[in-house]
PDB file of N, CA and C in Angstrom:
ATOM      1  N   MET A   1       7.232 -12.090   3.802  1.00  0.00           N
ATOM      2  CA  MET A   1       5.920 -11.539   4.001  1.00  0.00           C
ATOM      3  C   MET A   1       5.440 -10.821   2.747  1.00  0.00           C
ATOM      4  N   LEU A   2       6.339 -10.136   2.072  1.00  0.00           N
ATOM      5  CA  LEU A   2       5.955  -9.435   0.849  1.00  0.00           C
ATOM      6  C   LEU A   2       5.500 -10.425  -0.221  1.00  0.00           C
ATOM      7  N   ALA A   3       6.154 -11.569  -0.304  1.00  0.00           N
ATOM      8  CA  ALA A   3       5.755 -12.590  -1.278  1.00  0.00           C
ATOM      9  C   ALA A   3       4.339 -13.084  -0.983  1.00  0.00           C
ATOM     10  N   GLN A   4       4.011 -13.250   0.294  1.00  0.00           N
ATOM     11  CA  GLN A   4       2.666 -13.676   0.674  1.00  0.00           C
ATOM     12  C   GLN A   4       1.636 -12.611   0.319  1.00  0.00           C
ATOM     13  N   LEU A   5       1.978 -11.364   0.555  1.00  0.00           N
ATOM     14  CA  LEU A   5       1.080 -10.266   0.208  1.00  0.00           C
ATOM     15  C   LEU A   5       0.858 -10.226  -1.301  1.00  0.00           C
ATOM     16  N   ASN A   6       1.936 -10.347  -2.079  1.00  0.00           N
ATOM     17  CA  ASN A   6       1.815 -10.335  -3.531  1.00  0.00           C
ATOM     18  C   ASN A   6       0.940 -11.480  -4.022  1.00  0.00           C
ATOM     19  N   ALA A   7       1.117 -12.663  -3.455  1.00  0.00           N
ATOM     20  CA  ALA A   7       0.310 -13.817  -3.849  1.00  0.00           C
ATOM     21  C   ALA A   7      -1.159 -13.592  -3.513  1.00  0.00           C
ATOM     22  N   ALA A   8      -1.426 -13.021  -2.360  1.00  0.00           N
ATOM     23  CA  ALA A   8      -2.811 -12.745  -1.954  1.00  0.00           C
ATOM     24  C   ALA A   8      -3.455 -11.728  -2.886  1.00  0.00           C
ATOM     25  N   ILE A   9      -2.716 -10.706  -3.266  1.00  0.00           N
ATOM     26  CA  ILE A   9      -3.252  -9.672  -4.154  1.00  0.00           C
ATOM     27  C   ILE A   9      -3.528 -10.254  -5.531  1.00  0.00           C
ATOM     28  N   THR A  10      -2.595 -11.047  -6.042  1.00  0.00           N
ATOM     29  CA  THR A  10      -2.771 -11.656  -7.352  1.00  0.00           C
ATOM     30  C   THR A  10      -3.982 -12.575  -7.366  1.00  0.00           C
ATOM     31  N   ALA A  11      -4.266 -13.211  -6.235  1.00  0.00           N
ATOM     32  CA  ALA A  11      -5.385 -14.146  -6.140  1.00  0.00           C
ATOM     33  C   ALA A  11      -6.741 -13.454  -6.018  1.00  0.00           C
ATOM     34  N   GLY A  12      -6.771 -12.213  -5.610  1.00  0.00           N
ATOM     35  CA  GLY A  12      -8.051 -11.520  -5.443  1.00  0.00           C
ATOM     36  C   GLY A  12      -7.893 -10.187  -4.755  1.00  0.00           C
ATOM     37  N   ALA A  13      -8.991  -9.670  -4.239  1.00  0.00           N
ATOM     38  CA  ALA A  13      -8.999  -8.372  -3.578  1.00  0.00           C
ATOM     39  C   ALA A  13      -8.435  -8.483  -2.164  1.00  0.00           C
ATOM     40  N   VAL A  14      -7.631  -7.509  -1.788  1.00  0.00           N
ATOM     41  CA  VAL A  14      -7.018  -7.462  -0.457  1.00  0.00           C
ATOM     42  C   VAL A  14      -7.266  -6.080   0.131  1.00  0.00           C
ATOM     43  N   THR A  15      -7.673  -6.057   1.382  1.00  0.00           N
ATOM     44  CA  THR A  15      -7.826  -4.804   2.116  1.00  0.00           C
ATOM     45  C   THR A  15      -6.695  -4.722   3.129  1.00  0.00           C
ATOM     46  N   ILE A  16      -5.981  -3.592   3.107  1.00  0.00           N
ATOM     47  CA  ILE A  16      -4.866  -3.389   4.029  1.00  0.00           C
ATOM     48  C   ILE A  16      -5.277  -2.292   5.010  1.00  0.00           C
ATOM     49  N   ASN A  17      -5.425  -2.662   6.277  1.00  0.00           N
ATOM     50  CA  ASN A  17      -5.794  -1.702   7.315  1.00  0.00           C
ATOM     51  C   ASN A  17      -4.505  -1.153   7.922  1.00  0.00           C
ATOM     52  N   LEU A  18      -4.269   0.119   7.726  1.00  0.00           N
ATOM     53  CA  LEU A  18      -3.033   0.760   8.173  1.00  0.00           C
ATOM     54  C   LEU A  18      -3.178   1.491   9.501  1.00  0.00           C
ATOM     55  N   ALA A  19      -4.287   1.310  10.181  1.00  0.00           N
ATOM     56  CA  ALA A  19      -4.579   2.042  11.412  1.00  0.00           C
ATOM     57  C   ALA A  19      -3.532   1.823  12.494  1.00  0.00           C
ATOM     58  N   ALA A  20      -2.948   0.642  12.562  1.00  0.00           N
ATOM     59  CA  ALA A  20      -1.998   0.329  13.634  1.00  0.00           C
ATOM     60  C   ALA A  20      -0.612   0.929  13.396  1.00  0.00           C
ATOM     61  N   LEU A  21      -0.372   1.484  12.217  1.00  0.00           N
ATOM     62  CA  LEU A  21       0.950   2.064  11.951  1.00  0.00           C
ATOM     63  C   LEU A  21       1.111   3.370  12.714  1.00  0.00           C
ATOM     64  N   SER A  22       2.044   3.384  13.638  1.00  0.00           N
ATOM     65  CA  SER A  22       2.322   4.613  14.370  1.00  0.00           C
ATOM     66  C   SER A  22       3.741   5.097  14.103  1.00  0.00           C
ATOM     67  N   GLU A  23       4.625   4.181  13.778  1.00  0.00           N
ATOM     68  CA  GLU A  23       6.002   4.529  13.413  1.00  0.00           C
ATOM     69  C   GLU A  23       6.345   3.802  12.132  1.00  0.00           C
ATOM     70  N   PHE A  24       6.887   4.534  11.173  1.00  0.00           N
ATOM     71  CA  PHE A  24       7.211   3.948   9.874  1.00  0.00           C
ATOM     72  C   PHE A  24       8.208   4.854   9.184  1.00  0.00           C
ATOM     73  N   ASP A  25       8.782   4.339   8.107  1.00  0.00           N
ATOM     74  CA  ASP A  25       9.687   5.134   7.288  1.00  0.00           C
ATOM     75  C   ASP A  25       9.401   4.802   5.830  1.00  0.00           C
ATOM     76  N   SER A  26      10.322   5.124   4.959  1.00  0.00           N
ATOM     77  CA  SER A  26      10.090   4.913   3.535  1.00  0.00           C
ATOM     78  C   SER A  26       9.949   3.433   3.177  1.00  0.00           C
ATOM     79  N   SER A  27      10.396   2.534   4.041  1.00  0.00           N
ATOM     80  CA  SER A  27      10.226   1.105   3.740  1.00  0.00           C
ATOM     81  C   SER A  27       8.742   0.728   3.711  1.00  0.00           C
ATOM     82  N   ALA A  28       7.919   1.375   4.504  1.00  0.00           N
ATOM     83  CA  ALA A  28       6.477   1.131   4.455  1.00  0.00           C
ATOM     84  C   ALA A  28       5.925   1.521   3.085  1.00  0.00           C
ATOM     85  N   LEU A  29       6.419   2.625   2.556  1.00  0.00           N
ATOM     86  CA  LEU A  29       5.995   3.040   1.221  1.00  0.00           C
ATOM     87  C   LEU A  29       6.449   2.029   0.176  1.00  0.00           C
ATOM     88  N   SER A  30       7.635   1.484   0.340  1.00  0.00           N
ATOM     89  CA  SER A  30       8.149   0.480  -0.600  1.00  0.00           C
ATOM     90  C   SER A  30       7.252  -0.749  -0.637  1.00  0.00           C
ATOM     91  N   VAL A  31       6.811  -1.190   0.532  1.00  0.00           N
ATOM     92  CA  VAL A  31       5.919  -2.359   0.593  1.00  0.00           C
ATOM     93  C   VAL A  31       4.595  -2.042  -0.090  1.00  0.00           C
ATOM     94  N   LEU A  32       4.060  -0.870   0.162  1.00  0.00           N
ATOM     95  CA  LEU A  32       2.786  -0.501  -0.450  1.00  0.00           C
ATOM     96  C   LEU A  32       2.909  -0.324  -1.957  1.00  0.00           C
ATOM     97  N   LEU A  33       4.042   0.202  -2.418  1.00  0.00           N
ATOM     98  CA  LEU A  33       4.270   0.306  -3.860  1.00  0.00           C
ATOM     99  C   LEU A  33       4.374  -1.075  -4.489  1.00  0.00           C
ATOM    100  N   ALA A  34       5.050  -1.993  -3.824  1.00  0.00           N
ATOM    101  CA  ALA A  34       5.154  -3.370  -4.321  1.00  0.00           C
ATOM    102  C   ALA A  34       3.777  -4.007  -4.401  1.00  0.00           C
ATOM    103  N   ALA A  35       2.936  -3.701  -3.422  1.00  0.00           N
ATOM    104  CA  ALA A  35       1.575  -4.237  -3.434  1.00  0.00           C
ATOM    105  C   ALA A  35       0.806  -3.690  -4.637  1.00  0.00           C
ATOM    106  N   ARG A  36       0.977  -2.428  -4.934  1.00  0.00           N
ATOM    107  CA  ARG A  36       0.316  -1.845  -6.108  1.00  0.00           C
ATOM    108  C   ARG A  36       0.832  -2.499  -7.398  1.00  0.00           C
ATOM    109  N   ARG A  37       2.122  -2.794  -7.459  1.00  0.00           N
ATOM    110  CA  ARG A  37       2.667  -3.470  -8.644  1.00  0.00           C
ATOM    111  C   ARG A  37       2.052  -4.859  -8.789  1.00  0.00           C
ATOM    112  N   ALA A  38       1.875  -5.561  -7.684  1.00  0.00           N
ATOM    113  CA  ALA A  38       1.251  -6.893  -7.728  1.00  0.00           C
ATOM    114  C   ALA A  38      -0.169  -6.797  -8.256  1.00  0.00           C
ATOM    115  N   GLN A  39      -0.800  -5.694  -8.004  1.00  0.00           N
ATOM    116  CA  GLN A  39      -2.168  -5.472  -8.468  1.00  0.00           C
ATOM    117  C   GLN A  39      -2.243  -5.526  -9.992  1.00  0.00           C
ATOM    118  N   THR A  40      -1.177  -5.144 -10.678  1.00  0.00           N
ATOM    119  CA  THR A  40      -1.193  -5.152 -12.146  1.00  0.00           C
ATOM    120  C   THR A  40      -1.200  -6.569 -12.700  1.00  0.00           C
ATOM    121  N   ARG A  41      -0.876  -7.567 -11.873  1.00  0.00           N
ATOM    122  CA  ARG A  41      -0.889  -8.963 -12.300  1.00  0.00           C
ATOM    123  C   ARG A  41      -2.218  -9.644 -11.958  1.00  0.00           C
ATOM    124  N   GLY A  42      -3.157  -8.877 -11.494  1.00  0.00           N
ATOM    125  CA  GLY A  42      -4.467  -9.403 -11.118  1.00  0.00           C
ATOM    126  C   GLY A  42      -4.797  -9.003  -9.701  1.00  0.00           C
ATOM    127  N   GLY A  43      -6.061  -9.053  -9.355  1.00  0.00           N
ATOM    128  CA  GLY A  43      -6.474  -8.692  -8.004  1.00  0.00           C
ATOM    129  C   GLY A  43      -6.479  -7.191  -7.796  1.00  0.00           C
ATOM    130  N   SER A  44      -6.720  -6.797  -6.566  1.00  0.00           N
ATOM    131  CA  SER A  44      -6.737  -5.379  -6.239  1.00  0.00           C
ATOM    132  C   SER A  44      -6.462  -5.198  -4.749  1.00  0.00           C
ATOM    133  N   ILE A  45      -6.044  -3.984  -4.402  1.00  0.00           N
ATOM    134  CA  ILE A  45      -5.847  -3.666  -2.989  1.00  0.00           C
ATOM    135  C   ILE A  45      -6.616  -2.398  -2.654  1.00  0.00           C
ATOM    136  N   GLN A  46      -6.961  -2.303  -1.402  1.00  0.00           N
ATOM    137  CA  GLN A  46      -7.571  -1.090  -0.877  1.00  0.00           C
ATOM    138  C   GLN A  46      -6.896  -0.798   0.453  1.00  0.00           C
ATOM    139  N   CYS A  47      -6.407   0.414   0.622  1.00  0.00           N
ATOM    140  CA  CYS A  47      -5.767   0.834   1.869  1.00  0.00           C
ATOM    141  C   CYS A  47      -6.787   1.588   2.710  1.00  0.00           C
ATOM    142  N   LEU A  48      -6.978   1.129   3.945  1.00  0.00           N
ATOM    143  CA  LEU A  48      -7.917   1.759   4.865  1.00  0.00           C
ATOM    144  C   LEU A  48      -7.170   2.406   6.017  1.00  0.00           C
ATOM    145  N   ASN A  49      -7.765   3.436   6.586  1.00  0.00           N
ATOM    146  CA  ASN A  49      -7.245   4.091   7.793  1.00  0.00           C
ATOM    147  C   ASN A  49      -5.792   4.507   7.641  1.00  0.00           C
ATOM    148  N   VAL A  50      -5.515   5.201   6.560  1.00  0.00           N
ATOM    149  CA  VAL A  50      -4.146   5.659   6.290  1.00  0.00           C
ATOM    150  C   VAL A  50      -3.799   6.782   7.260  1.00  0.00           C
ATOM    151  N   PRO A  51      -2.746   6.603   8.064  1.00  0.00           N
ATOM    152  CA  PRO A  51      -2.340   7.684   8.970  1.00  0.00           C
ATOM    153  C   PRO A  51      -1.931   8.933   8.182  1.00  0.00           C
ATOM    154  N   ASP A  52      -2.303  10.095   8.688  1.00  0.00           N
ATOM    155  CA  ASP A  52      -1.955  11.347   8.005  1.00  0.00           C
ATOM    156  C   ASP A  52      -0.459  11.465   7.769  1.00  0.00           C
ATOM    157  N   LYS A  53       0.337  11.051   8.741  1.00  0.00           N
ATOM    158  CA  LYS A  53       1.797  11.151   8.594  1.00  0.00           C
ATOM    159  C   LYS A  53       2.304  10.273   7.457  1.00  0.00           C
ATOM    160  N   LEU A  54       1.699   9.105   7.266  1.00  0.00           N
ATOM    161  CA  LEU A  54       2.102   8.220   6.169  1.00  0.00           C
ATOM    162  C   LEU A  54       1.715   8.832   4.833  1.00  0.00           C
ATOM    163  N   ARG A  55       0.530   9.418   4.783  1.00  0.00           N
ATOM    164  CA  ARG A  55       0.094  10.080   3.550  1.00  0.00           C
ATOM    165  C   ARG A  55       1.011  11.257   3.219  1.00  0.00           C
ATOM    166  N   ARG A  56       1.400  12.021   4.246  1.00  0.00           N
ATOM    167  CA  ARG A  56       2.312  13.155   4.011  1.00  0.00           C
ATOM    168  C   ARG A  56       3.685  12.671   3.551  1.00  0.00           C
ATOM    169  N   LEU A  57       4.163  11.564   4.116  1.00  0.00           N
ATOM    170  CA  LEU A  57       5.445  11.006   3.692  1.00  0.00           C
ATOM    171  C   LEU A  57       5.364  10.566   2.230  1.00  0.00           C
ATOM    172  N   ALA A  58       4.268   9.921   1.869  1.00  0.00           N
ATOM    173  CA  ALA A  58       4.077   9.501   0.484  1.00  0.00           C
ATOM    174  C   ALA A  58       4.033  10.706  -0.441  1.00  0.00           C
ATOM    175  N   ASN A  59       3.388  11.783   0.011  1.00  0.00           N
ATOM    176  CA  ASN A  59       3.329  13.008  -0.771  1.00  0.00           C
ATOM    177  C   ASN A  59       4.721  13.602  -0.939  1.00  0.00           C
ATOM    178  N   LEU A  60       5.505  13.590   0.123  1.00  0.00           N
ATOM    179  CA  LEU A  60       6.876  14.112   0.078  1.00  0.00           C
ATOM    180  C   LEU A  60       7.711  13.374  -0.963  1.00  0.00           C
ATOM    181  N   TYR A  61       7.531  12.063  -1.046  1.00  0.00           N
ATOM    182  CA  TYR A  61       8.272  11.245  -2.009  1.00  0.00           C
ATOM    183  C   TYR A  61       7.624  11.241  -3.392  1.00  0.00           C
ATOM    184  N   GLY A  62       6.465  11.867  -3.525  1.00  0.00           N
ATOM    185  CA  GLY A  62       5.791  11.950  -4.813  1.00  0.00           C
ATOM    186  C   GLY A  62       5.091  10.671  -5.239  1.00  0.00           C
ATOM    187  N   VAL A  63       4.719   9.828  -4.281  1.00  0.00           N
ATOM    188  CA  VAL A  63       4.077   8.557  -4.605  1.00  0.00           C
ATOM    189  C   VAL A  63       2.667   8.424  -4.019  1.00  0.00           C
ATOM    190  N   GLU A  64       2.148   9.474  -3.448  1.00  0.00           N
ATOM    191  CA  GLU A  64       0.841   9.393  -2.794  1.00  0.00           C
ATOM    192  C   GLU A  64      -0.240   8.881  -3.744  1.00  0.00           C
ATOM    193  N   SER A  65      -0.317   9.446  -4.937  1.00  0.00           N
ATOM    194  CA  SER A  65      -1.363   9.022  -5.880  1.00  0.00           C
ATOM    195  C   SER A  65      -1.118   7.598  -6.390  1.00  0.00           C
ATOM    196  N   LEU A  66       0.120   7.169  -6.428  1.00  0.00           N
ATOM    197  CA  LEU A  66       0.437   5.805  -6.876  1.00  0.00           C
ATOM    198  C   LEU A  66      -0.014   4.773  -5.844  1.00  0.00           C
ATOM    199  N   ILE A  67       0.067   5.124  -4.582  1.00  0.00           N
ATOM    200  CA  ILE A  67      -0.249   4.176  -3.518  1.00  0.00           C
ATOM    201  C   ILE A  67      -1.702   4.270  -3.084  1.00  0.00           C
ATOM    202  N   PHE A  68      -2.184   5.474  -2.849  1.00  0.00           N
ATOM    203  CA  PHE A  68      -3.472   5.651  -2.199  1.00  0.00           C
ATOM    204  C   PHE A  68      -4.613   6.040  -3.126  1.00  0.00           C
ATOM    205  N   ASP A  69      -4.358   6.208  -4.413  1.00  0.00           N
ATOM    206  CA  ASP A  69      -5.438   6.534  -5.336  1.00  0.00           C
ATOM    207  C   ASP A  69      -6.315   5.313  -5.506  1.00  0.00           C
ATOM    208  N   GLU A  70      -7.523   5.356  -5.004  1.00  0.00           N
ATOM    209  CA  GLU A  70      -8.429   4.204  -5.009  1.00  0.00           C
ATOM    210  C   GLU A  70      -9.273   4.142  -6.272  1.00  0.00           C
ATOM    211  N   SER A  71      -9.127   5.094  -7.178  1.00  0.00           N
ATOM    212  CA  SER A  71      -9.943   5.077  -8.386  1.00  0.00           C
ATOM    213  C   SER A  71      -9.351   4.208  -9.468  1.00  0.00           C
TER     214      SER A  71
END
């Protein structure tokens, strides 16, 4: 699935709706970080409806700005 996501991002803009995430751990952050890395090879991602708990987890790991910075 990650390979498909990376290919989609490289091909163009991708919007990731995170609203359905109710339970997650650091592996969710790993997938989102990988998606951001794919962005450097072309394309772009935008994360929508980020759960507060996921944002806090990203902040705890020090990766919030790497994943969710939309600028």
